[in-house]
C-alpha atoms as a PDB file:
ATOM      1  CA  MET A   1     210.302  52.445-103.496  1.00  0.00           C
ATOM      2  CA  ARG A   2     209.519  49.117-102.770  1.00  0.00           C
ATOM      3  CA  ARG A   3     212.592  48.064-103.592  1.00  0.00           C
ATOM      4  CA  ALA A   4     214.212  50.897-101.153  1.00  0.00           C
ATOM      5  CA  ARG A   5     212.365  50.031 -98.404  1.00  0.00           C
ATOM      6  CA  HIS A   6     212.802  45.906 -98.886  1.00  0.00           C
ATOM      7  CA  THR A   7     216.277  46.364 -98.986  1.00  0.00           C
ATOM      8  CA  LEU A   8     216.101  48.817 -95.627  1.00  0.00           C
ATOM      9  CA  GLY A   9     213.835  46.143 -94.134  1.00  0.00           C
ATOM     10  CA  ARG A  10     216.680  43.742 -94.796  1.00  0.00           C
ATOM     11  CA  PHE A  11     219.648  45.936 -93.382  1.00  0.00           C
ATOM     12  CA  LEU A  12     217.394  46.617 -90.181  1.00  0.00           C
ATOM     13  CA  VAL A  13     217.000  42.772 -89.883  1.00  0.00           C
ATOM     14  CA  THR A  14     220.604  42.160 -89.934  1.00  0.00           C
ATOM     15  CA  LEU A  15     221.360  45.016 -87.711  1.00  0.00           C
ATOM     16  CA  ALA A  16     218.794  43.707 -85.218  1.00  0.00           C
ATOM     17  CA  ARG A  17     220.509  40.129 -85.529  1.00  0.00           C
ATOM     18  CA  SER A  18     223.975  40.997 -85.211  1.00  0.00           C
ATOM     19  CA  VAL A  19     223.341  43.346 -82.297  1.00  0.00           C
ATOM     20  CA  ALA A  20     221.490  40.468 -80.683  1.00  0.00           C
ATOM     21  CA  ILE A  21     224.285  38.355 -80.815  1.00  0.00           C
ATOM     22  CA  PHE A  22     227.031  41.224 -80.541  1.00  0.00           C
ATOM     23  CA  VAL A  23     225.816  42.373 -76.927  1.00  0.00           C
ATOM     24  CA  PRO A  24     225.619  39.465 -74.691  1.00  0.00           C
ATOM     25  CA  VAL A  25     228.959  38.896 -76.243  1.00  0.00           C
ATOM     26  CA  PHE A  26     230.479  41.945 -75.101  1.00  0.00           C
ATOM     27  CA  LEU A  27     228.952  42.058 -71.595  1.00  0.00           C
ATOM     28  CA  VAL A  28     230.081  38.171 -71.284  1.00  0.00           C
ATOM     29  CA  ALA A  29     233.677  39.371 -72.414  1.00  0.00           C
ATOM     30  CA  THR A  30     233.955  42.322 -70.218  1.00  0.00           C
ATOM     31  CA  PHE A  31     233.014  40.148 -67.068  1.00  0.00           C
ATOM     32  CA  VAL A  32     235.526  37.749 -67.880  1.00  0.00           C
ATOM     33  CA  THR A  33     237.854  41.064 -68.508  1.00  0.00           C
ATOM     34  CA  PHE A  34     237.278  42.099 -65.130  1.00  0.00           C
ATOM     35  CA  ALA A  35     237.052  38.699 -63.434  1.00  0.00           C
ATOM     36  CA  LEU A  36     241.009  38.748 -64.383  1.00  0.00           C
ATOM     37  CA  ARG A  37     241.679  41.350 -61.713  1.00  0.00           C
ATOM     38  CA  SER A  38     240.891  39.096 -58.990  1.00  0.00           C
ATOM     39  CA  LEU A  39     242.410  35.894 -60.304  1.00  0.00           C
ATOM     40  CA  SER A  40     245.367  37.931 -60.688  1.00  0.00           C
ATOM     41  CA  GLY A  41     245.965  38.776 -57.133  1.00  0.00           C
ATOM     42  CA  LEU A  42     247.259  42.262 -58.129  1.00  0.00           C
ATOM     43  CA  SER A  43     246.620  44.913 -55.631  1.00  0.00           C
ATOM     44  CA  PRO A  44     247.698  48.778 -55.996  1.00  0.00           C
ATOM     45  CA  ALA A  45     249.001  48.474 -52.508  1.00  0.00           C
ATOM     46  CA  ARG A  46     251.617  46.316 -53.926  1.00  0.00           C
ATOM     47  CA  ILE A  47     252.748  48.623 -56.568  1.00  0.00           C
ATOM     48  CA  GLN A  48     252.491  51.605 -54.249  1.00  0.00           C
ATOM     49  CA  LEU A  49     253.456  50.694 -50.720  1.00  0.00           C
ATOM     50  CA  GLY A  50     255.919  47.921 -52.561  1.00  0.00           C
ATOM     51  CA  GLU A  51     255.920  44.119 -51.548  1.00  0.00           C
ATOM     52  CA  GLU A  52     257.114  44.943 -47.979  1.00  0.00           C
ATOM     53  CA  ALA A  53     253.948  46.503 -46.903  1.00  0.00           C
ATOM     54  CA  THR A  54     252.010  45.809 -44.072  1.00  0.00           C
ATOM     55  CA  PRO A  55     248.746  43.701 -44.346  1.00  0.00           C
ATOM     56  CA  GLU A  56     247.018  46.855 -42.521  1.00  0.00           C
ATOM     57  CA  ALA A  57     248.497  49.825 -45.140  1.00  0.00           C
ATOM     58  CA  VAL A  58     247.505  47.003 -47.579  1.00  0.00           C
ATOM     59  CA  ALA A  59     243.996  46.770 -46.726  1.00  0.00           C
ATOM     60  CA  ARG A  60     243.505  50.518 -46.300  1.00  0.00           C
ATOM     61  CA  VAL A  61     244.947  51.259 -49.822  1.00  0.00           C
ATOM     62  CA  GLU A  62     242.710  48.725 -51.277  1.00  0.00           C
ATOM     63  CA  ALA A  63     239.792  50.531 -49.716  1.00  0.00           C
ATOM     64  CA  GLN A  64     240.769  54.014 -50.938  1.00  0.00           C
ATOM     65  CA  TRP A  65     240.336  51.913 -54.144  1.00  0.00           C
ATOM     66  CA  GLY A  66     237.064  50.216 -53.138  1.00  0.00           C
ATOM     67  CA  LEU A  67     238.315  46.911 -53.667  1.00  0.00           C
ATOM     68  CA  ASP A  68     237.202  45.853 -50.426  1.00  0.00           C
ATOM     69  CA  ARG A  69     233.651  45.589 -51.478  1.00  0.00           C
ATOM     70  CA  PRO A  70     231.727  42.836 -53.093  1.00  0.00           C
ATOM     71  CA  PHE A  71     233.073  41.508 -56.725  1.00  0.00           C
ATOM     72  CA  LEU A  72     229.717  42.281 -57.978  1.00  0.00           C
ATOM     73  CA  ILE A  73     228.813  45.890 -56.745  1.00  0.00           C
ATOM     74  CA  GLN A  74     232.347  46.156 -58.166  1.00  0.00           C
ATOM     75  CA  TYR A  75     231.653  44.978 -61.452  1.00  0.00           C
ATOM     76  CA  GLY A  76     228.316  46.977 -61.660  1.00  0.00           C
ATOM     77  CA  ASP A  77     230.238  50.313 -60.995  1.00  0.00           C
ATOM     78  CA  TRP A  78     232.981  49.210 -63.596  1.00  0.00           C
ATOM     79  CA  ILE A  79     230.809  47.961 -66.170  1.00  0.00           C
ATOM     80  CA  GLY A  80     228.577  51.293 -65.789  1.00  0.00           C
ATOM     81  CA  GLY A  81     231.723  53.489 -66.051  1.00  0.00           C
ATOM     82  CA  VAL A  82     232.606  51.249 -69.060  1.00  0.00           C
ATOM     83  CA  LEU A  83     228.907  52.278 -71.019  1.00  0.00           C
ATOM     84  CA  HIS A  84     229.598  56.027 -70.595  1.00  0.00           C
ATOM     85  CA  GLY A  85     233.244  55.867 -71.655  1.00  0.00           C
ATOM     86  CA  GLN A  86     234.829  55.374 -68.698  1.00  0.00           C
ATOM     87  CA  LEU A  87     237.616  53.099 -68.012  1.00  0.00           C
ATOM     88  CA  GLY A  88     239.222  54.173 -64.443  1.00  0.00           C
ATOM     89  CA  VAL A  89     242.227  55.246 -63.355  1.00  0.00           C
ATOM     90  CA  SER A  90     245.937  54.112 -63.721  1.00  0.00           C
ATOM     91  CA  TRP A  91     247.031  52.165 -60.477  1.00  0.00           C
ATOM     92  CA  THR A  92     251.026  53.118 -61.490  1.00  0.00           C
ATOM     93  CA  ASN A  93     250.020  56.833 -61.763  1.00  0.00           C
ATOM     94  CA  GLY A  94     246.537  57.997 -60.902  1.00  0.00           C
ATOM     95  CA  ALA A  95     245.871  59.139 -64.542  1.00  0.00           C
ATOM     96  CA  ASP A  96     242.355  58.473 -66.762  1.00  0.00           C
ATOM     97  CA  ILE A  97     242.596  55.162 -68.753  1.00  0.00           C
ATOM     98  CA  SER A  98     240.863  56.374 -71.256  1.00  0.00           C
ATOM     99  CA  THR A  99     242.979  59.309 -71.899  1.00  0.00           C
ATOM    100  CA  LEU A 100     245.933  57.387 -71.948  1.00  0.00           C
ATOM    101  CA  ILE A 101     244.434  54.623 -74.255  1.00  0.00           C
ATOM    102  CA  GLY A 102     243.062  57.654 -76.832  1.00  0.00           C
ATOM    103  CA  LEU A 103     246.531  58.736 -76.707  1.00  0.00           C
ATOM    104  CA  GLY A 104     248.017  55.821 -78.135  1.00  0.00           C
ATOM    105  CA  LEU A 105     244.830  54.017 -79.677  1.00  0.00           C
ATOM    106  CA  GLY A 106     245.326  56.904 -82.994  1.00  0.00           C
ATOM    107  CA  VAL A 107     248.660  55.982 -84.141  1.00  0.00           C
ATOM    108  CA  SER A 108     247.618  52.141 -84.040  1.00  0.00           C
ATOM    109  CA  LEU A 109     244.486  52.778 -85.494  1.00  0.00           C
ATOM    110  CA  SER A 110     246.380  54.769 -88.745  1.00  0.00           C
ATOM    111  CA  VAL A 111     248.646  52.234 -88.946  1.00  0.00           C
ATOM    112  CA  ALA A 112     245.927  49.365 -88.692  1.00  0.00           C
ATOM    113  CA  THR A 113     243.650  50.795 -91.224  1.00  0.00           C
ATOM    114  CA  PHE A 114     246.199  51.511 -93.715  1.00  0.00           C
ATOM    115  CA  ALA A 115     247.299  47.903 -93.269  1.00  0.00           C
ATOM    116  CA  LEU A 116     244.082  46.505 -93.621  1.00  0.00           C
ATOM    117  CA  VAL A 117     243.575  48.846 -97.175  1.00  0.00           C
ATOM    118  CA  ILE A 118     247.258  47.402 -98.105  1.00  0.00           C
ATOM    119  CA  GLY A 119     246.398  43.741 -97.530  1.00  0.00           C
ATOM    120  CA  VAL A 120     242.718  44.349 -99.170  1.00  0.00           C
ATOM    121  CA  VAL A 121     243.501  45.899-102.317  1.00  0.00           C
ATOM    122  CA  VAL A 122     246.836  43.958-102.963  1.00  0.00           C
ATOM    123  CA  GLY A 123     245.334  40.448-101.599  1.00  0.00           C
ATOM    124  CA  PHE A 124     242.354  41.077-103.925  1.00  0.00           C
ATOM    125  CA  VAL A 125     244.227  41.462-107.011  1.00  0.00           C
ATOM    126  CA  LEU A 126     246.444  38.877-106.159  1.00  0.00           C
ATOM    127  CA  GLY A 127     243.629  36.558-105.450  1.00  0.00           C
ATOM    128  CA  ALA A 128     241.610  37.602-108.333  1.00  0.00           C
ATOM    129  CA  LEU A 129     244.362  37.081-110.706  1.00  0.00           C
ATOM    130  CA  ALA A 130     245.560  33.699-109.721  1.00  0.00           C
ATOM    131  CA  ALA A 131     242.199  32.554-109.835  1.00  0.00           C
ATOM    132  CA  LEU A 132     241.086  33.895-113.439  1.00  0.00           C
ATOM    133  CA  ARG A 133     244.331  32.409-114.424  1.00  0.00           C
ATOM    134  CA  ARG A 134     244.107  29.122-112.479  1.00  0.00           C
ATOM    135  CA  THR A 135     246.337  26.607-112.971  1.00  0.00           C
ATOM    136  CA  THR A 136     248.922  28.549-115.264  1.00  0.00           C
ATOM    137  CA  TRP A 137     252.530  29.455-114.387  1.00  0.00           C
ATOM    138  CA  VAL A 138     250.684  33.215-112.712  1.00  0.00           C
ATOM    139  CA  ASP A 139     248.724  31.134-110.609  1.00  0.00           C
ATOM    140  CA  ARG A 140     251.447  29.279-109.047  1.00  0.00           C
ATOM    141  CA  ALA A 141     253.240  31.929-108.935  1.00  0.00           C
ATOM    142  CA  ILE A 142     250.946  34.164-106.924  1.00  0.00           C
ATOM    143  CA  THR A 143     250.172  31.048-104.659  1.00  0.00           C
ATOM    144  CA  GLY A 144     254.307  31.025-104.159  1.00  0.00           C
ATOM    145  CA  PHE A 145     254.356  34.445-103.200  1.00  0.00           C
ATOM    146  CA  VAL A 146     251.518  34.855-100.873  1.00  0.00           C
ATOM    147  CA  THR A 147     252.779  31.359 -99.067  1.00  0.00           C
ATOM    148  CA  VAL A 148     256.498  33.005 -98.553  1.00  0.00           C
ATOM    149  CA  ILE A 149     255.093  36.698 -97.507  1.00  0.00           C
ATOM    150  CA  SER A 150     252.544  34.453 -94.696  1.00  0.00           C
ATOM    151  CA  VAL A 151     255.492  33.337 -92.835  1.00  0.00           C
ATOM    152  CA  MET A 152     257.777  35.913 -92.401  1.00  0.00           C
ATOM    153  CA  PRO A 153     257.265  37.932 -88.724  1.00  0.00           C
ATOM    154  CA  ALA A 154     255.639  41.826 -89.003  1.00  0.00           C
ATOM    155  CA  PHE A 155     259.297  42.555 -86.710  1.00  0.00           C
ATOM    156  CA  VAL A 156     261.486  41.105 -89.830  1.00  0.00           C
ATOM    157  CA  VAL A 157     259.449  42.672 -92.382  1.00  0.00           C
ATOM    158  CA  GLY A 158     259.934  46.091 -90.525  1.00  0.00           C
ATOM    159  CA  ILE A 159     263.454  46.147 -89.935  1.00  0.00           C
ATOM    160  CA  VAL A 160     264.085  45.103 -93.817  1.00  0.00           C
ATOM    161  CA  LEU A 161     261.950  47.909 -94.541  1.00  0.00           C
ATOM    162  CA  VAL A 162     263.691  50.466 -91.959  1.00  0.00           C
ATOM    163  CA  ALA A 163     267.270  49.315 -93.401  1.00  0.00           C
ATOM    164  CA  VAL A 164     266.293  49.566 -97.223  1.00  0.00           C
ATOM    165  CA  LEU A 165     263.463  52.412 -97.381  1.00  0.00           C
ATOM    166  CA  ALA A 166     264.547  54.319 -94.808  1.00  0.00           C
ATOM    167  CA  VAL A 167     268.342  54.190 -94.194  1.00  0.00           C
ATOM    168  CA  GLN A 168     269.423  53.379 -97.482  1.00  0.00           C
ATOM    169  CA  LEU A 169     267.089  54.878 -99.734  1.00  0.00           C
ATOM    170  CA  ASN A 170     265.891  57.428 -97.633  1.00  0.00           C
ATOM    171  CA  LEU A 171     262.237  57.342 -98.760  1.00  0.00           C
ATOM    172  CA  PHE A 172     260.826  57.599 -95.668  1.00  0.00           C
ATOM    173  CA  PRO A 173     261.372  58.408 -92.400  1.00  0.00           C
ATOM    174  CA  SER A 174     262.643  55.385 -90.078  1.00  0.00           C
ATOM    175  CA  ALA A 175     260.505  56.360 -86.558  1.00  0.00           C
ATOM    176  CA  GLY A 176     258.155  58.537 -85.311  1.00  0.00           C
ATOM    177  CA  TYR A 177     254.428  59.537 -85.975  1.00  0.00           C
ATOM    178  CA  VAL A 178     252.985  63.255 -87.262  1.00  0.00           C
ATOM    179  CA  PRO A 179     249.266  63.315 -86.500  1.00  0.00           C
ATOM    180  CA  ALA A 180     247.049  63.717 -89.469  1.00  0.00           C
ATOM    181  CA  GLU A 181     245.990  67.076 -88.656  1.00  0.00           C
ATOM    182  CA  GLN A 182     249.856  68.184 -88.915  1.00  0.00           C
ATOM    183  CA  GLY A 183     249.478  67.452 -92.656  1.00  0.00           C
ATOM    184  CA  LEU A 184     248.514  64.312 -94.723  1.00  0.00           C
ATOM    185  CA  GLY A 185     252.034  63.932 -96.412  1.00  0.00           C
ATOM    186  CA  PRO A 186     254.153  63.633 -93.645  1.00  0.00           C
ATOM    187  CA  TRP A 187     250.920  61.751 -91.638  1.00  0.00           C
ATOM    188  CA  LEU A 188     251.332  58.752 -94.404  1.00  0.00           C
ATOM    189  CA  ALA A 189     254.824  59.728 -94.317  1.00  0.00           C
ATOM    190  CA  HIS A 190     255.282  58.284 -90.860  1.00  0.00           C
ATOM    191  CA  ILE A 191     252.451  55.090 -90.944  1.00  0.00           C
ATOM    192  CA  THR A 192     253.566  53.593 -94.283  1.00  0.00           C
ATOM    193  CA  LEU A 193     256.696  51.622 -93.247  1.00  0.00           C
ATOM    194  CA  PRO A 194     254.728  49.985 -90.077  1.00  0.00           C
ATOM    195  CA  ALA A 195     251.703  49.715 -92.001  1.00  0.00           C
ATOM    196  CA  LEU A 196     253.530  47.492 -94.725  1.00  0.00           C
ATOM    197  CA  ALA A 197     255.155  45.469 -91.946  1.00  0.00           C
ATOM    198  CA  LEU A 198     251.465  44.353 -90.808  1.00  0.00           C
ATOM    199  CA  SER A 199     249.878  44.009 -94.306  1.00  0.00           C
ATOM    200  CA  PHE A 200     251.751  41.316 -95.422  1.00  0.00           C
ATOM    201  CA  ASP A 201     249.783  38.985 -93.143  1.00  0.00           C
ATOM    202  CA  VAL A 202     246.489  40.524 -94.656  1.00  0.00           C
ATOM    203  CA  ILE A 203     247.725  40.128 -98.127  1.00  0.00           C
ATOM    204  CA  ALA A 204     248.597  36.618 -97.875  1.00  0.00           C
ATOM    205  CA  ASP A 205     244.816  35.812 -96.589  1.00  0.00           C
ATOM    206  CA  VAL A 206     242.744  37.812 -98.814  1.00  0.00           C
ATOM    207  CA  ALA A 207     244.608  36.179-101.553  1.00  0.00           C
ATOM    208  CA  ARG A 208     244.062  32.628-100.588  1.00  0.00           C
ATOM    209  CA  GLN A 209     240.766  32.939 -99.192  1.00  0.00           C
ATOM    210  CA  LEU A 210     239.519  35.039-102.417  1.00  0.00           C
ATOM    211  CA  ARG A 211     241.604  32.911-104.848  1.00  0.00           C
ATOM    212  CA  SER A 212     239.956  29.341-103.235  1.00  0.00           C
ATOM    213  CA  SER A 213     236.208  31.256-103.132  1.00  0.00           C
ATOM    214  CA  LEU A 214     236.188  32.509-106.906  1.00  0.00           C
ATOM    215  CA  VAL A 215     237.915  29.283-108.274  1.00  0.00           C
ATOM    216  CA  ALA A 216     234.539  27.405-106.327  1.00  0.00           C
ATOM    217  CA  ALA A 217     232.380  29.901-107.841  1.00  0.00           C
ATOM    218  CA  TYR A 218     233.459  29.154-110.974  1.00  0.00           C
ATOM    219  CA  ARG A 219     232.254  25.931-110.863  1.00  0.00           C
ATOM    220  CA  GLU A 220     229.106  26.337-109.689  1.00  0.00           C
ATOM    221  CA  ASN A 221     226.240  25.789-111.870  1.00  0.00           C
ATOM    222  CA  TYR A 222     224.579  29.522-112.193  1.00  0.00           C
ATOM    223  CA  VAL A 223     228.139  30.101-114.042  1.00  0.00           C
ATOM    224  CA  THR A 224     227.743  27.196-116.253  1.00  0.00           C
ATOM    225  CA  GLY A 225     223.876  28.741-116.775  1.00  0.00           C
ATOM    226  CA  ALA A 226     225.366  32.564-117.652  1.00  0.00           C
ATOM    227  CA  VAL A 227     228.024  30.652-119.968  1.00  0.00           C
ATOM    228  CA  VAL A 228     225.114  29.041-121.966  1.00  0.00           C
ATOM    229  CA  ARG A 229     223.269  32.364-121.718  1.00  0.00           C
ATOM    230  CA  GLY A 230     226.457  34.031-124.072  1.00  0.00           C
ATOM    231  CA  LEU A 231     227.252  36.422-120.794  1.00  0.00           C
ATOM    232  CA  GLY A 232     230.401  37.838-121.280  1.00  0.00           C
ATOM    233  CA  PRO A 233     233.514  36.675-119.086  1.00  0.00           C
ATOM    234  CA  ARG A 234     233.601  40.198-117.479  1.00  0.00           C
ATOM    235  CA  ARG A 235     229.685  40.336-116.757  1.00  0.00           C
ATOM    236  CA  ILE A 236     230.104  36.226-115.417  1.00  0.00           C
ATOM    237  CA  PHE A 237     232.843  37.416-112.794  1.00  0.00           C
ATOM    238  CA  PHE A 238     231.694  40.584-111.563  1.00  0.00           C
ATOM    239  CA  VAL A 239     228.155  39.807-111.151  1.00  0.00           C
ATOM    240  CA  HIS A 240     228.175  35.876-110.403  1.00  0.00           C
ATOM    241  CA  VAL A 241     231.441  35.122-109.493  1.00  0.00           C
ATOM    242  CA  LEU A 242     232.909  37.901-107.487  1.00  0.00           C
ATOM    243  CA  ARG A 243     229.782  38.251-105.412  1.00  0.00           C
ATOM    244  CA  ASN A 244     229.190  34.876-104.393  1.00  0.00           C
ATOM    245  CA  GLY A 245     233.174  34.529-103.443  1.00  0.00           C
ATOM    246  CA  LEU A 246     233.380  37.551-101.881  1.00  0.00           C
ATOM    247  CA  GLY A 247     231.900  36.148 -98.437  1.00  0.00           C
ATOM    248  CA  PRO A 248     234.301  34.223 -97.208  1.00  0.00           C
ATOM    249  CA  THR A 249     236.765  36.861 -97.693  1.00  0.00           C
ATOM    250  CA  LEU A 250     235.041  39.437 -95.883  1.00  0.00           C
ATOM    251  CA  ALA A 251     234.034  36.798 -93.129  1.00  0.00           C
ATOM    252  CA  THR A 252     237.871  36.520 -92.922  1.00  0.00           C
ATOM    253  CA  LEU A 253     238.699  40.317 -92.811  1.00  0.00           C
ATOM    254  CA  GLY A 254     236.164  39.988 -89.446  1.00  0.00           C
ATOM    255  CA  LEU A 255     239.010  39.395 -86.984  1.00  0.00           C
ATOM    256  CA  LYS A 256     241.681  41.112 -88.613  1.00  0.00           C
ATOM    257  CA  PHE A 257     241.706  44.921 -88.169  1.00  0.00           C
ATOM    258  CA  PRO A 258     241.502  44.475 -84.181  1.00  0.00           C
ATOM    259  CA  ALA A 259     244.506  41.740 -84.600  1.00  0.00           C
ATOM    260  CA  LEU A 260     246.461  44.334 -86.495  1.00  0.00           C
ATOM    261  CA  VAL A 261     246.006  46.828 -83.849  1.00  0.00           C
ATOM    262  CA  GLY A 262     246.661  44.288 -80.884  1.00  0.00           C
ATOM    263  CA  ALA A 263     249.564  42.663 -82.470  1.00  0.00           C
ATOM    264  CA  SER A 264     251.466  45.964 -83.043  1.00  0.00           C
ATOM    265  CA  VAL A 265     253.461  46.161 -79.999  1.00  0.00           C
ATOM    266  CA  VAL A 266     256.512  44.661 -81.542  1.00  0.00           C
ATOM    267  CA  THR A 267     256.223  47.059 -84.952  1.00  0.00           C
ATOM    268  CA  GLU A 268     255.627  50.040 -82.577  1.00  0.00           C
ATOM    269  CA  TRP A 269     259.271  49.696 -80.806  1.00  0.00           C
ATOM    270  CA  ILE A 270     260.578  49.230 -84.031  1.00  0.00           C
ATOM    271  CA  PHE A 271     259.064  52.544 -85.791  1.00  0.00           C
ATOM    272  CA  GLY A 272     259.451  54.225 -82.145  1.00  0.00           C
ATOM    273  CA  LEU A 273     255.595  54.905 -81.826  1.00  0.00           C
ATOM    274  CA  GLN A 274     253.841  55.607 -78.772  1.00  0.00           C
ATOM    275  CA  GLY A 275     250.790  53.099 -79.574  1.00  0.00           C
ATOM    276  CA  PHE A 276     247.968  51.164 -78.211  1.00  0.00           C
ATOM    277  CA  GLY A 277     249.939  48.031 -78.765  1.00  0.00           C
ATOM    278  CA  ARG A 278     252.934  49.501 -76.669  1.00  0.00           C
ATOM    279  CA  PHE A 279     250.401  51.179 -73.893  1.00  0.00           C
ATOM    280  CA  ALA A 280     248.785  47.405 -73.406  1.00  0.00           C
ATOM    281  CA  ASN A 281     252.874  45.963 -73.141  1.00  0.00           C
ATOM    282  CA  ASP A 282     253.977  48.514 -70.315  1.00  0.00           C
ATOM    283  CA  SER A 283     250.519  48.199 -68.444  1.00  0.00           C
ATOM    284  CA  ALA A 284     250.739  44.549 -68.302  1.00  0.00           C
ATOM    285  CA  GLN A 285     254.509  44.520 -67.193  1.00  0.00           C
ATOM    286  CA  ALA A 286     253.962  47.511 -64.723  1.00  0.00           C
ATOM    287  CA  GLY A 287     251.084  45.205 -62.904  1.00  0.00           C
ATOM    288  CA  ASP A 288     248.648  48.262 -63.777  1.00  0.00           C
ATOM    289  CA  VAL A 289     245.261  45.990 -63.496  1.00  0.00           C
ATOM    290  CA  PRO A 290     242.904  48.701 -64.432  1.00  0.00           C
ATOM    291  CA  ALA A 291     244.903  49.877 -67.455  1.00  0.00           C
ATOM    292  CA  VAL A 292     245.146  45.859 -68.883  1.00  0.00           C
ATOM    293  CA  GLN A 293     241.230  45.810 -68.518  1.00  0.00           C
ATOM    294  CA  GLY A 294     240.979  49.065 -70.633  1.00  0.00           C
ATOM    295  CA  VAL A 295     242.875  48.014 -73.397  1.00  0.00           C
ATOM    296  CA  LEU A 296     240.721  44.844 -73.274  1.00  0.00           C
ATOM    297  CA  VAL A 297     237.270  46.442 -73.365  1.00  0.00           C
ATOM    298  CA  VAL A 298     238.708  48.585 -76.030  1.00  0.00           C
ATOM    299  CA  SER A 299     240.029  45.271 -77.991  1.00  0.00           C
ATOM    300  CA  ILE A 300     236.707  43.848 -77.553  1.00  0.00           C
ATOM    301  CA  ALA A 301     234.993  46.719 -78.572  1.00  0.00           C
ATOM    302  CA  LEU A 302     237.121  46.815 -81.592  1.00  0.00           C
ATOM    303  CA  VAL A 303     236.210  42.826 -82.517  1.00  0.00           C
ATOM    304  CA  VAL A 304     232.518  43.256 -81.554  1.00  0.00           C
ATOM    305  CA  ALA A 305     231.949  46.741 -83.801  1.00  0.00           C
ATOM    306  CA  PHE A 306     234.063  45.405 -86.695  1.00  0.00           C
ATOM    307  CA  ASN A 307     232.467  42.200 -87.158  1.00  0.00           C
ATOM    308  CA  LEU A 308     228.811  43.753 -87.179  1.00  0.00           C
ATOM    309  CA  VAL A 309     230.339  45.724 -89.992  1.00  0.00           C
ATOM    310  CA  VAL A 310     231.419  43.263 -91.943  1.00  0.00           C
ATOM    311  CA  ASN A 311     228.311  41.452 -90.936  1.00  0.00           C
ATOM    312  CA  LEU A 312     226.132  44.113 -92.416  1.00  0.00           C
ATOM    313  CA  VAL A 313     228.489  44.486 -95.372  1.00  0.00           C
ATOM    314  CA  LEU A 314     227.971  41.022 -96.053  1.00  0.00           C
ATOM    315  CA  ALA A 315     224.253  41.457 -95.796  1.00  0.00           C
ATOM    316  CA  ARG A 316     224.001  43.760 -98.974  1.00  0.00           C
ATOM    317  CA  VAL A 317     227.192  42.210-100.897  1.00  0.00           C
ATOM    318  CA  THR A 318     226.863  38.728-101.276  1.00  0.00           C
ATOM    319  CA  PRO A 319     223.466  36.819-102.007  1.00  0.00           C
ATOM    320  CA  ALA A 320     223.656  33.845-100.072  1.00  0.00           C
ATOM    321  CA  ALA A 321     223.760  36.506 -96.896  1.00  0.00           C
ATOM    322  CA  GLN A 322     221.241  38.392 -98.703  1.00  0.00           C
ATOM    323  CA  ARG A 323     219.144  35.265 -98.470  1.00  0.00           C
ATOM    324  CA  GLY A 324     219.950  34.352 -94.256  1.00  0.00           C
ATOM    325  CA  VAL A 325     222.151  31.622 -95.748  1.00  0.00           C
END
């Protein structure tokens, strides 16, 4: 009972510390995001009326959008809406931005989550195997493999996967997306190739970081002490080496998931997906500032939320994090 209370207390302390850090970061980031509209010089009047619009017409349209009010008042209204899940209205079509982002975010989150799972599982196996067989041909082969895949762009991998697995072998659909509600099988079939294309970078980062961390952990005194006490190699690896070597690897994942969501625009074009990255690209090209701001806010929220989860996992899994080191 005492141990459970101690664990809960440590969890709550870690949660409070993380929130105390991430809330100011979120507010500062959203303020900078909103300030970008003023710095961009873009206006809904230019989109709706064209570049030849008269100053009077521009002023009238901007007043309809509330852009004639003081900057801080505009920011206050906007951040209030953001905190209530309202990201504003698109300048180009008047649609609700939260709805537009929600339509594409589900696609990108599906692909990014699957890519992260593939990257973590394969990277963990490769990194652990390289560390256990360090300085052998297995270690060198794995190191060479992850070095090669780390420099392969996702769009090149995607094109190769489509050509081989979709066109030649007909194992997967080459494009499109099916929601999970319409069947788990079709959903997995449509997200597998884009997820594989995005997973190579995660595999390389996880494998390299985990291998380095585990090799360093094997050199620590507590491993020598465990060997002297007669503990078996498996117990030493899972109880001592792995728990202490996971920290840096988990930390590298803090930005991986949001990066996968945000960097998927080229992959989404290749596989014909109407996702979050493609929506962000289209909004930026159209000069739709509220939509771009909404994309940035969601991206910031993903970064903050995922790093919060990583911090909590670190506090639970790694001994150093539990001691507040």
